[in-house]
């Protein structure tokens, strides 16, 4: 019985020693989780770079508007527009079908697309893959309206462009005439 008791004490002592030493060692292969602050600090250079790019784009847009003496309204999203001719009737709502004649030009003035070449543009408000600026403006004007817009790239074709005439991060000038309700 004495041997059994001393073996039991020895086993308990070894287990306790193993437990203490394993707690003191750093585990290997453990994934550390970054805090949101650490993640933000890592992304800071990218965020700051994008902010600079957007600020430069906004300066360029403001220069174009000033050069042409356009009297534009700017929405909360950054869309600049000027109603050249008022339409009549209710504004479009989500799901409504909108048809329009249009011209799209770069800020340099170079026209890249128009409805004479490419046909009338038709889309459903907030239900199709048209550029965000068109969904926004359709809800601000009435059928028959003629509108000039200066569209920041994030409301146009974004960082990727359209894959043809419009490069990534390209702001646009777009003139539209809403045809129907």
N, C-alpha and C. Protein backbone atom coordinates (compact mmCIF):
# COMPACT_ATOMS: atom_id res chain seq x y z
N UNK A 1 0.84 -1.18 0.00
CA UNK A 1 0.00 0.00 0.00
C UNK A 1 0.88 1.24 0.00
N UNK A 2 2.03 1.13 0.75
CA UNK A 2 2.94 2.27 0.80
C UNK A 2 3.50 2.58 -0.58
N UNK A 3 3.84 1.57 -1.37
CA UNK A 3 4.37 1.76 -2.71
C UNK A 3 3.33 2.37 -3.65
N UNK A 4 2.08 1.93 -3.45
CA UNK A 4 0.99 2.46 -4.27
C UNK A 4 0.79 3.95 -4.01
N UNK A 5 0.81 4.34 -2.73
CA UNK A 5 0.63 5.74 -2.35
C UNK A 5 1.77 6.61 -2.88
N UNK A 6 2.99 6.14 -2.78
CA UNK A 6 4.12 6.94 -3.28
C UNK A 6 4.09 7.05 -4.80
N UNK A 7 3.62 6.00 -5.49
CA UNK A 7 3.47 6.07 -6.96
C UNK A 7 2.38 7.08 -7.34
N UNK A 8 1.30 7.09 -6.56
CA UNK A 8 0.21 8.03 -6.81
C UNK A 8 0.68 9.46 -6.61
N UNK A 9 1.44 9.72 -5.55
CA UNK A 9 1.98 11.06 -5.29
C UNK A 9 2.94 11.45 -6.41
N UNK A 10 3.78 10.51 -6.84
CA UNK A 10 4.73 10.78 -7.91
C UNK A 10 4.00 11.11 -9.22
N UNK A 11 2.96 10.40 -9.53
CA UNK A 11 2.17 10.66 -10.75
C UNK A 11 1.49 12.03 -10.68
N UNK A 12 0.93 12.33 -9.53
CA UNK A 12 0.28 13.66 -9.37
C UNK A 12 1.30 14.77 -9.51
N UNK A 13 2.49 14.57 -8.92
CA UNK A 13 3.54 15.57 -9.01
C UNK A 13 3.97 15.77 -10.47
N UNK A 14 4.13 14.67 -11.22
CA UNK A 14 4.53 14.77 -12.64
C UNK A 14 3.46 15.47 -13.47
N UNK A 15 2.19 15.14 -13.21
CA UNK A 15 1.09 15.77 -13.93
C UNK A 15 1.06 17.27 -13.66
N UNK A 16 1.27 17.64 -12.40
CA UNK A 16 1.29 19.06 -12.03
C UNK A 16 2.47 19.77 -12.67
N UNK A 17 3.63 19.14 -12.70
CA UNK A 17 4.82 19.71 -13.32
C UNK A 17 4.61 19.89 -14.83
N UNK A 18 4.01 18.89 -15.47
CA UNK A 18 3.70 18.97 -16.90
C UNK A 18 2.72 20.11 -17.19
N UNK A 19 1.73 20.24 -16.36
CA UNK A 19 0.74 21.29 -16.53
C UNK A 19 1.37 22.67 -16.39
N UNK A 20 2.21 22.86 -15.41
CA UNK A 20 2.85 24.16 -15.18
C UNK A 20 3.79 24.50 -16.33
N UNK A 21 4.60 23.55 -16.77
CA UNK A 21 5.56 23.85 -17.85
C UNK A 21 4.85 24.06 -19.18
N UNK A 22 3.76 23.37 -19.45
CA UNK A 22 3.05 23.58 -20.72
C UNK A 22 2.35 24.93 -20.76
N UNK A 23 1.95 25.47 -19.64
CA UNK A 23 1.31 26.79 -19.59
C UNK A 23 2.32 27.90 -19.81
N UNK A 24 3.58 27.63 -19.51
CA UNK A 24 4.60 28.66 -19.65
C UNK A 24 5.15 28.74 -21.06
N UNK A 25 5.03 27.71 -21.85
CA UNK A 25 5.53 27.71 -23.21
C UNK A 25 4.52 28.37 -24.13
N UNK A 26 5.05 29.10 -25.14
CA UNK A 26 4.14 29.69 -26.14
C UNK A 26 3.71 28.60 -27.09
N UNK A 27 2.44 28.48 -27.34
CA UNK A 27 1.98 27.46 -28.28
C UNK A 27 2.42 27.82 -29.70
N UNK A 28 2.76 26.83 -30.48
CA UNK A 28 3.14 27.07 -31.86
C UNK A 28 1.96 26.75 -32.76
N UNK A 29 1.92 27.44 -33.91
CA UNK A 29 0.85 27.19 -34.87
C UNK A 29 -0.48 27.82 -34.49
N UNK A 30 -0.50 28.69 -33.50
CA UNK A 30 -1.73 29.33 -33.10
C UNK A 30 -1.90 30.62 -33.90
N UNK A 31 -3.06 30.84 -34.46
CA UNK A 31 -3.36 32.04 -35.23
C UNK A 31 -3.69 33.16 -34.27
N UNK A 32 -3.01 34.29 -34.43
CA UNK A 32 -3.33 35.45 -33.60
C UNK A 32 -4.38 36.28 -34.31
N UNK A 33 -5.32 36.77 -33.59
CA UNK A 33 -6.40 37.58 -34.14
C UNK A 33 -6.04 39.05 -33.97
N UNK A 34 -6.11 39.79 -35.08
CA UNK A 34 -5.82 41.21 -35.01
C UNK A 34 -7.05 41.98 -34.57
N UNK A 35 -6.82 43.00 -33.83
CA UNK A 35 -7.94 43.86 -33.44
C UNK A 35 -8.32 44.71 -34.64
N UNK A 36 -9.49 45.29 -34.61
CA UNK A 36 -9.93 46.13 -35.73
C UNK A 36 -9.01 47.34 -35.86
N UNK A 37 -8.46 47.81 -34.76
CA UNK A 37 -7.53 48.95 -34.83
C UNK A 37 -6.26 48.54 -35.58
N UNK A 38 -5.75 47.33 -35.31
CA UNK A 38 -4.57 46.85 -36.01
C UNK A 38 -4.85 46.68 -37.50
N UNK A 39 -6.03 46.19 -37.83
CA UNK A 39 -6.41 46.03 -39.23
C UNK A 39 -6.52 47.38 -39.91
N UNK A 40 -7.11 48.37 -39.23
CA UNK A 40 -7.24 49.71 -39.80
C UNK A 40 -5.86 50.33 -40.04
N UNK A 41 -4.94 50.12 -39.08
CA UNK A 41 -3.60 50.67 -39.24
C UNK A 41 -2.90 50.06 -40.44
N UNK A 42 -3.14 48.78 -40.69
CA UNK A 42 -2.55 48.11 -41.85
C UNK A 42 -3.11 48.67 -43.15
N UNK A 43 -4.39 49.00 -43.17
CA UNK A 43 -5.05 49.51 -44.38
C UNK A 43 -4.87 51.01 -44.57
N UNK A 44 -4.41 51.71 -43.53
CA UNK A 44 -4.27 53.16 -43.60
C UNK A 44 -3.61 53.69 -44.86
N UNK A 45 -2.46 53.14 -45.28
CA UNK A 45 -1.83 53.68 -46.49
C UNK A 45 -2.73 53.57 -47.72
N UNK A 46 -3.49 52.50 -47.84
CA UNK A 46 -4.39 52.31 -48.97
C UNK A 46 -5.56 53.30 -48.90
N UNK A 47 -6.11 53.44 -47.71
CA UNK A 47 -7.23 54.37 -47.51
C UNK A 47 -6.78 55.79 -47.83
N UNK A 48 -5.63 56.17 -47.31
CA UNK A 48 -5.11 57.52 -47.57
C UNK A 48 -4.84 57.72 -49.05
N UNK A 49 -4.31 56.72 -49.72
CA UNK A 49 -4.07 56.81 -51.16
C UNK A 49 -5.35 57.01 -51.93
N UNK A 50 -6.40 56.26 -51.57
CA UNK A 50 -7.70 56.41 -52.24
C UNK A 50 -8.31 57.78 -51.96
N UNK A 51 -8.14 58.28 -50.75
CA UNK A 51 -8.66 59.61 -50.43
C UNK A 51 -7.99 60.67 -51.29
N UNK A 52 -6.67 60.53 -51.50
CA UNK A 52 -5.95 61.49 -52.35
C UNK A 52 -6.44 61.43 -53.79
N UNK A 53 -6.65 60.21 -54.28
CA UNK A 53 -7.14 60.03 -55.65
C UNK A 53 -8.52 60.67 -55.81
N UNK A 54 -9.40 60.43 -54.85
CA UNK A 54 -10.75 61.01 -54.91
C UNK A 54 -10.71 62.53 -54.82
N UNK A 55 -9.82 63.06 -53.99
CA UNK A 55 -9.69 64.52 -53.87
C UNK A 55 -9.22 65.12 -55.19
N UNK A 56 -8.27 64.49 -55.85
CA UNK A 56 -7.79 64.98 -57.15
C UNK A 56 -8.89 64.91 -58.20
N UNK A 57 -9.66 63.83 -58.19
CA UNK A 57 -10.77 63.69 -59.12
C UNK A 57 -11.80 64.80 -58.88
N UNK A 58 -12.12 65.06 -57.62
CA UNK A 58 -13.09 66.10 -57.28
C UNK A 58 -12.59 67.47 -57.74
N UNK A 59 -11.30 67.76 -57.59
CA UNK A 59 -10.74 69.02 -58.07
C UNK A 59 -10.91 69.15 -59.58
N UNK A 60 -10.65 68.06 -60.29
CA UNK A 60 -10.79 68.06 -61.74
C UNK A 60 -12.25 68.30 -62.15
N UNK A 61 -13.17 67.66 -61.46
CA UNK A 61 -14.61 67.85 -61.73
C UNK A 61 -15.00 69.31 -61.51
N UNK A 62 -14.56 69.87 -60.39
CA UNK A 62 -14.89 71.27 -60.08
C UNK A 62 -14.33 72.22 -61.12
N UNK A 63 -13.13 71.94 -61.64
CA UNK A 63 -12.54 72.79 -62.69
C UNK A 63 -13.37 72.73 -63.97
N UNK A 64 -13.83 71.54 -64.34
CA UNK A 64 -14.65 71.40 -65.55
C UNK A 64 -15.96 72.17 -65.39
N UNK A 65 -16.60 72.03 -64.25
CA UNK A 65 -17.87 72.73 -63.99
C UNK A 65 -17.65 74.24 -64.05
N UNK A 66 -16.58 74.70 -63.44
CA UNK A 66 -16.27 76.14 -63.42
C UNK A 66 -15.94 76.65 -64.82
N UNK A 67 -15.14 75.89 -65.57
CA UNK A 67 -14.73 76.30 -66.92
C UNK A 67 -15.95 76.48 -67.84
N UNK A 68 -16.95 75.63 -67.68
CA UNK A 68 -18.14 75.69 -68.53
C UNK A 68 -19.25 76.58 -67.95
N UNK A 69 -19.02 77.11 -66.76
CA UNK A 69 -20.01 77.96 -66.07
C UNK A 69 -21.35 77.23 -65.88
N UNK A 70 -21.27 75.95 -65.54
CA UNK A 70 -22.47 75.18 -65.28
C UNK A 70 -22.93 75.46 -63.86
N UNK A 71 -24.23 75.55 -63.67
CA UNK A 71 -24.83 75.78 -62.36
C UNK A 71 -25.38 74.44 -61.85
N UNK A 72 -24.54 73.67 -61.22
CA UNK A 72 -24.90 72.31 -60.86
C UNK A 72 -25.27 72.17 -59.39
N UNK A 73 -26.12 71.20 -59.15
CA UNK A 73 -26.47 70.78 -57.80
C UNK A 73 -25.67 69.51 -57.53
N UNK A 74 -25.17 69.38 -56.31
CA UNK A 74 -24.42 68.18 -55.93
C UNK A 74 -25.21 67.41 -54.88
N UNK A 75 -25.42 66.14 -55.15
CA UNK A 75 -26.15 65.29 -54.20
C UNK A 75 -25.21 64.80 -53.11
N UNK A 76 -25.76 64.13 -52.12
CA UNK A 76 -24.96 63.59 -51.04
C UNK A 76 -23.97 62.52 -51.48
N UNK A 77 -24.24 61.88 -52.61
CA UNK A 77 -23.32 60.85 -53.12
C UNK A 77 -22.18 61.45 -53.95
N UNK A 78 -22.32 62.73 -54.31
CA UNK A 78 -21.30 63.38 -55.13
C UNK A 78 -21.69 63.57 -56.58
N UNK A 79 -22.90 63.16 -56.95
CA UNK A 79 -23.38 63.37 -58.32
C UNK A 79 -23.66 64.85 -58.53
N UNK A 80 -23.11 65.41 -59.61
CA UNK A 80 -23.34 66.81 -59.97
C UNK A 80 -24.30 66.82 -61.14
N UNK A 81 -25.38 67.60 -61.03
CA UNK A 81 -26.32 67.64 -62.15
C UNK A 81 -26.94 69.01 -62.29
N UNK A 82 -27.38 69.27 -63.52
CA UNK A 82 -28.04 70.53 -63.85
C UNK A 82 -29.23 70.18 -64.73
N UNK A 83 -30.43 70.58 -64.32
CA UNK A 83 -31.62 70.35 -65.13
C UNK A 83 -31.67 71.45 -66.19
N UNK A 84 -31.55 71.06 -67.44
CA UNK A 84 -31.55 72.00 -68.55
C UNK A 84 -32.98 72.30 -68.98
N UNK A 85 -33.81 71.28 -68.95
CA UNK A 85 -35.23 71.43 -69.28
C UNK A 85 -36.03 70.55 -68.34
N UNK A 86 -37.01 71.15 -67.65
CA UNK A 86 -37.84 70.40 -66.71
C UNK A 86 -38.74 69.42 -67.44
N UNK A 87 -38.98 68.29 -66.84
CA UNK A 87 -39.96 67.35 -67.35
C UNK A 87 -41.27 67.56 -66.63
N UNK A 88 -42.19 66.63 -66.81
CA UNK A 88 -43.47 66.74 -66.10
C UNK A 88 -43.90 65.35 -65.63
N UNK A 89 -44.68 65.35 -64.59
CA UNK A 89 -45.16 64.09 -64.04
C UNK A 89 -44.34 63.65 -62.86
N UNK A 90 -44.71 62.51 -62.30
CA UNK A 90 -44.01 62.01 -61.10
C UNK A 90 -42.60 61.50 -61.43
N UNK A 91 -41.75 61.55 -60.42
CA UNK A 91 -40.39 61.00 -60.58
C UNK A 91 -40.49 59.48 -60.67
N UNK A 92 -39.45 58.87 -61.14
CA UNK A 92 -39.42 57.42 -61.25
C UNK A 92 -39.18 56.81 -59.87
N UNK A 93 -39.72 55.62 -59.68
CA UNK A 93 -39.55 54.88 -58.43
C UNK A 93 -38.83 53.57 -58.72
N UNK A 94 -38.40 52.92 -57.67
CA UNK A 94 -37.71 51.65 -57.82
C UNK A 94 -38.55 50.68 -58.66
N UNK A 95 -37.90 50.06 -59.64
CA UNK A 95 -38.56 49.09 -60.51
C UNK A 95 -39.16 49.68 -61.76
N UNK A 96 -39.35 51.02 -61.82
CA UNK A 96 -39.89 51.65 -63.02
C UNK A 96 -38.90 51.50 -64.18
N UNK A 97 -39.45 51.36 -65.38
CA UNK A 97 -38.62 51.30 -66.58
C UNK A 97 -38.37 52.71 -67.08
N UNK A 98 -37.10 53.01 -67.39
CA UNK A 98 -36.70 54.33 -67.86
C UNK A 98 -36.01 54.17 -69.21
N UNK A 99 -36.39 55.01 -70.17
CA UNK A 99 -35.71 55.05 -71.46
C UNK A 99 -35.16 56.45 -71.64
N UNK A 100 -33.97 56.53 -72.25
CA UNK A 100 -33.37 57.85 -72.42
C UNK A 100 -32.43 57.89 -73.62
N UNK A 101 -32.37 59.08 -74.21
CA UNK A 101 -31.30 59.40 -75.14
C UNK A 101 -30.15 59.93 -74.30
N UNK A 102 -28.93 59.75 -74.78
CA UNK A 102 -27.79 60.15 -73.96
C UNK A 102 -26.55 60.39 -74.80
N UNK A 103 -25.64 61.15 -74.24
CA UNK A 103 -24.26 61.24 -74.72
C UNK A 103 -23.37 61.09 -73.50
N UNK A 104 -22.27 60.38 -73.67
CA UNK A 104 -21.28 60.22 -72.61
C UNK A 104 -19.95 60.72 -73.13
N UNK A 105 -19.34 61.64 -72.37
CA UNK A 105 -18.03 62.18 -72.74
C UNK A 105 -17.09 62.09 -71.54
N UNK A 106 -15.81 62.06 -71.85
CA UNK A 106 -14.80 62.15 -70.80
C UNK A 106 -14.72 63.60 -70.35
N UNK A 107 -14.05 63.87 -69.25
CA UNK A 107 -13.92 65.26 -68.79
C UNK A 107 -13.16 66.12 -69.79
N UNK A 108 -12.36 65.49 -70.63
CA UNK A 108 -11.64 66.23 -71.68
C UNK A 108 -12.59 66.75 -72.75
N UNK A 109 -13.82 66.23 -72.76
CA UNK A 109 -14.80 66.62 -73.76
C UNK A 109 -14.96 65.60 -74.87
N UNK A 110 -14.07 64.63 -74.94
CA UNK A 110 -14.13 63.59 -75.98
C UNK A 110 -15.37 62.72 -75.77
N UNK A 111 -16.27 62.72 -76.76
CA UNK A 111 -17.48 61.90 -76.68
C UNK A 111 -17.11 60.45 -76.96
N UNK A 112 -17.57 59.55 -76.09
CA UNK A 112 -17.24 58.14 -76.26
C UNK A 112 -18.45 57.26 -76.60
N UNK A 113 -19.63 57.66 -76.18
CA UNK A 113 -20.84 56.91 -76.50
C UNK A 113 -22.00 57.88 -76.68
N UNK A 114 -23.00 57.46 -77.47
CA UNK A 114 -24.24 58.22 -77.56
C UNK A 114 -25.35 57.33 -78.07
N UNK A 115 -26.58 57.75 -77.84
CA UNK A 115 -27.72 56.93 -78.23
C UNK A 115 -27.92 56.89 -79.75
N UNK A 116 -27.37 57.84 -80.49
CA UNK A 116 -27.45 57.77 -81.95
C UNK A 116 -26.67 56.57 -82.47
N UNK A 117 -25.51 56.29 -81.86
CA UNK A 117 -24.69 55.14 -82.27
C UNK A 117 -25.15 53.85 -81.61
N UNK A 118 -25.47 53.91 -80.32
CA UNK A 118 -25.70 52.70 -79.53
C UNK A 118 -27.16 52.42 -79.19
N UNK A 119 -28.06 53.30 -79.61
CA UNK A 119 -29.48 53.10 -79.34
C UNK A 119 -29.90 53.70 -78.00
N UNK A 120 -31.20 53.82 -77.84
CA UNK A 120 -31.78 54.36 -76.61
C UNK A 120 -31.42 53.45 -75.45
N UNK A 121 -31.08 54.04 -74.32
CA UNK A 121 -30.74 53.26 -73.11
C UNK A 121 -32.02 53.06 -72.31
N UNK A 122 -32.32 51.81 -72.00
CA UNK A 122 -33.49 51.47 -71.19
C UNK A 122 -33.04 50.61 -70.02
N UNK A 123 -33.54 50.93 -68.83
CA UNK A 123 -33.19 50.17 -67.63
C UNK A 123 -34.29 50.30 -66.60
N UNK A 124 -34.24 49.44 -65.59
CA UNK A 124 -35.18 49.48 -64.46
C UNK A 124 -34.47 50.12 -63.27
N UNK A 125 -35.12 51.10 -62.67
CA UNK A 125 -34.52 51.85 -61.56
C UNK A 125 -34.21 50.90 -60.40
N UNK A 126 -32.95 50.91 -59.99
CA UNK A 126 -32.43 50.09 -58.89
C UNK A 126 -32.64 48.59 -59.08
N UNK A 127 -32.90 48.17 -60.30
CA UNK A 127 -33.12 46.74 -60.56
C UNK A 127 -32.24 46.22 -61.70
N UNK A 128 -31.36 47.06 -62.22
CA UNK A 128 -30.51 46.62 -63.33
C UNK A 128 -29.08 47.02 -63.05
N UNK A 129 -28.19 46.57 -63.90
CA UNK A 129 -26.77 46.80 -63.69
C UNK A 129 -26.28 48.05 -64.43
N UNK A 130 -27.06 49.06 -64.46
CA UNK A 130 -26.66 50.34 -65.05
C UNK A 130 -25.81 51.09 -64.03
N UNK A 131 -25.08 52.12 -64.47
CA UNK A 131 -24.23 52.85 -63.53
C UNK A 131 -25.09 53.52 -62.45
N UNK A 132 -24.59 53.60 -61.22
CA UNK A 132 -25.36 54.15 -60.11
C UNK A 132 -25.91 55.56 -60.36
N UNK A 133 -25.17 56.39 -61.09
CA UNK A 133 -25.63 57.76 -61.35
C UNK A 133 -26.97 57.79 -62.07
N UNK A 134 -27.21 56.86 -62.99
CA UNK A 134 -28.47 56.85 -63.72
C UNK A 134 -29.64 56.47 -62.83
N UNK A 135 -29.42 55.53 -61.93
CA UNK A 135 -30.49 55.16 -60.99
C UNK A 135 -30.83 56.35 -60.09
N UNK A 136 -29.79 57.07 -59.67
CA UNK A 136 -30.00 58.21 -58.78
C UNK A 136 -30.74 59.35 -59.50
N UNK A 137 -30.28 59.71 -60.69
CA UNK A 137 -30.88 60.85 -61.39
C UNK A 137 -32.31 60.55 -61.82
N UNK A 138 -32.61 59.30 -62.17
CA UNK A 138 -33.97 58.94 -62.58
C UNK A 138 -34.97 59.20 -61.46
N UNK A 139 -34.53 59.13 -60.22
CA UNK A 139 -35.41 59.36 -59.09
C UNK A 139 -35.50 60.84 -58.69
N UNK A 140 -34.70 61.68 -59.38
CA UNK A 140 -34.68 63.11 -59.06
C UNK A 140 -35.39 63.98 -60.09
N UNK A 141 -35.64 63.43 -61.27
CA UNK A 141 -36.25 64.23 -62.35
C UNK A 141 -37.49 63.53 -62.90
N UNK A 142 -38.25 64.26 -63.69
CA UNK A 142 -39.50 63.75 -64.27
C UNK A 142 -39.30 63.38 -65.74
N UNK A 143 -40.21 62.59 -66.29
CA UNK A 143 -40.14 62.27 -67.72
C UNK A 143 -40.13 63.55 -68.56
N UNK A 144 -39.36 63.52 -69.62
CA UNK A 144 -39.22 64.68 -70.50
C UNK A 144 -38.08 65.59 -70.11
N UNK A 145 -37.49 65.38 -68.94
CA UNK A 145 -36.40 66.24 -68.48
C UNK A 145 -35.15 66.03 -69.32
N UNK A 146 -34.41 67.14 -69.48
CA UNK A 146 -33.08 67.09 -70.09
C UNK A 146 -32.11 67.51 -69.00
N UNK A 147 -31.09 66.68 -68.78
CA UNK A 147 -30.19 66.88 -67.65
C UNK A 147 -28.74 66.70 -68.10
N UNK A 148 -27.88 67.55 -67.55
CA UNK A 148 -26.43 67.39 -67.72
C UNK A 148 -25.87 66.93 -66.38
N UNK A 149 -25.02 65.92 -66.42
CA UNK A 149 -24.41 65.41 -65.20
C UNK A 149 -22.89 65.37 -65.35
N UNK A 150 -22.20 65.65 -64.26
CA UNK A 150 -20.78 65.36 -64.16
C UNK A 150 -20.69 64.29 -63.08
N UNK A 151 -20.26 63.12 -63.51
CA UNK A 151 -20.36 61.93 -62.67
C UNK A 151 -18.99 61.51 -62.16
N UNK A 152 -18.79 61.49 -60.84
CA UNK A 152 -17.53 60.96 -60.31
C UNK A 152 -17.40 59.47 -60.64
N UNK A 153 -16.19 58.99 -60.70
CA UNK A 153 -15.96 57.61 -61.14
C UNK A 153 -16.68 56.57 -60.29
N UNK A 154 -16.83 56.83 -58.98
CA UNK A 154 -17.49 55.82 -58.14
C UNK A 154 -18.98 55.69 -58.44
N UNK A 155 -19.55 56.66 -59.15
CA UNK A 155 -20.96 56.57 -59.58
C UNK A 155 -21.06 56.22 -61.06
N UNK A 156 -19.90 56.05 -61.71
CA UNK A 156 -19.87 55.69 -63.12
C UNK A 156 -19.39 54.24 -63.24
N UNK A 157 -18.22 54.03 -63.81
CA UNK A 157 -17.74 52.67 -64.03
C UNK A 157 -16.66 52.24 -63.04
N UNK A 158 -16.41 53.06 -62.01
CA UNK A 158 -15.52 52.67 -60.92
C UNK A 158 -14.07 52.49 -61.32
N UNK A 159 -13.37 51.70 -60.53
CA UNK A 159 -11.93 51.50 -60.72
C UNK A 159 -11.62 50.64 -61.93
N UNK A 160 -12.60 49.88 -62.42
CA UNK A 160 -12.34 48.98 -63.54
C UNK A 160 -12.64 49.55 -64.91
N UNK A 161 -13.37 50.67 -64.97
CA UNK A 161 -13.77 51.20 -66.28
C UNK A 161 -14.82 50.31 -66.92
N UNK A 162 -15.11 50.57 -68.19
CA UNK A 162 -16.12 49.76 -68.88
C UNK A 162 -15.49 48.68 -69.76
N UNK A 163 -14.17 48.65 -69.81
CA UNK A 163 -13.50 47.64 -70.62
C UNK A 163 -13.32 48.04 -72.07
N UNK A 164 -13.79 49.23 -72.42
CA UNK A 164 -13.67 49.68 -73.81
C UNK A 164 -13.10 51.10 -73.86
N UNK A 165 -13.98 52.07 -73.89
CA UNK A 165 -13.58 53.48 -74.06
C UNK A 165 -13.29 54.20 -72.75
N UNK A 166 -13.88 53.74 -71.67
CA UNK A 166 -13.78 54.45 -70.39
C UNK A 166 -12.82 53.70 -69.47
N UNK A 167 -11.74 54.38 -69.11
CA UNK A 167 -10.73 53.78 -68.23
C UNK A 167 -11.25 53.73 -66.80
N UNK A 168 -10.53 53.01 -65.97
CA UNK A 168 -10.85 52.97 -64.55
C UNK A 168 -10.65 54.33 -63.92
N UNK A 169 -11.45 54.63 -62.91
CA UNK A 169 -11.40 55.91 -62.18
C UNK A 169 -11.56 57.11 -63.10
N UNK A 170 -12.46 56.99 -64.06
CA UNK A 170 -12.70 58.07 -65.02
C UNK A 170 -14.03 58.74 -64.72
N UNK A 171 -13.98 60.04 -64.40
CA UNK A 171 -15.21 60.82 -64.22
C UNK A 171 -15.77 61.12 -65.60
N UNK A 172 -17.08 61.30 -65.69
CA UNK A 172 -17.74 61.46 -66.98
C UNK A 172 -18.66 62.66 -67.01
N UNK A 173 -18.91 63.14 -68.21
CA UNK A 173 -19.96 64.13 -68.47
C UNK A 173 -21.04 63.38 -69.24
N UNK A 174 -22.26 63.46 -68.76
CA UNK A 174 -23.35 62.74 -69.42
C UNK A 174 -24.53 63.67 -69.57
N UNK A 175 -25.05 63.75 -70.78
CA UNK A 175 -26.27 64.50 -71.07
C UNK A 175 -27.35 63.48 -71.38
N UNK A 176 -28.50 63.65 -70.74
CA UNK A 176 -29.59 62.70 -70.95
C UNK A 176 -30.90 63.43 -71.22
N UNK A 177 -31.77 62.74 -71.92
CA UNK A 177 -33.15 63.19 -72.12
C UNK A 177 -34.03 62.01 -71.79
N UNK A 178 -34.81 62.14 -70.71
CA UNK A 178 -35.71 61.07 -70.28
C UNK A 178 -36.89 61.02 -71.23
N UNK A 179 -37.17 59.84 -71.79
CA UNK A 179 -38.19 59.74 -72.83
C UNK A 179 -39.57 59.31 -72.31
N UNK A 180 -39.66 58.55 -71.26
CA UNK A 180 -40.95 57.99 -70.86
C UNK A 180 -41.10 57.89 -69.37
N UNK A 181 -42.27 57.45 -68.97
CA UNK A 181 -42.50 57.06 -67.57
C UNK A 181 -43.08 55.68 -67.54
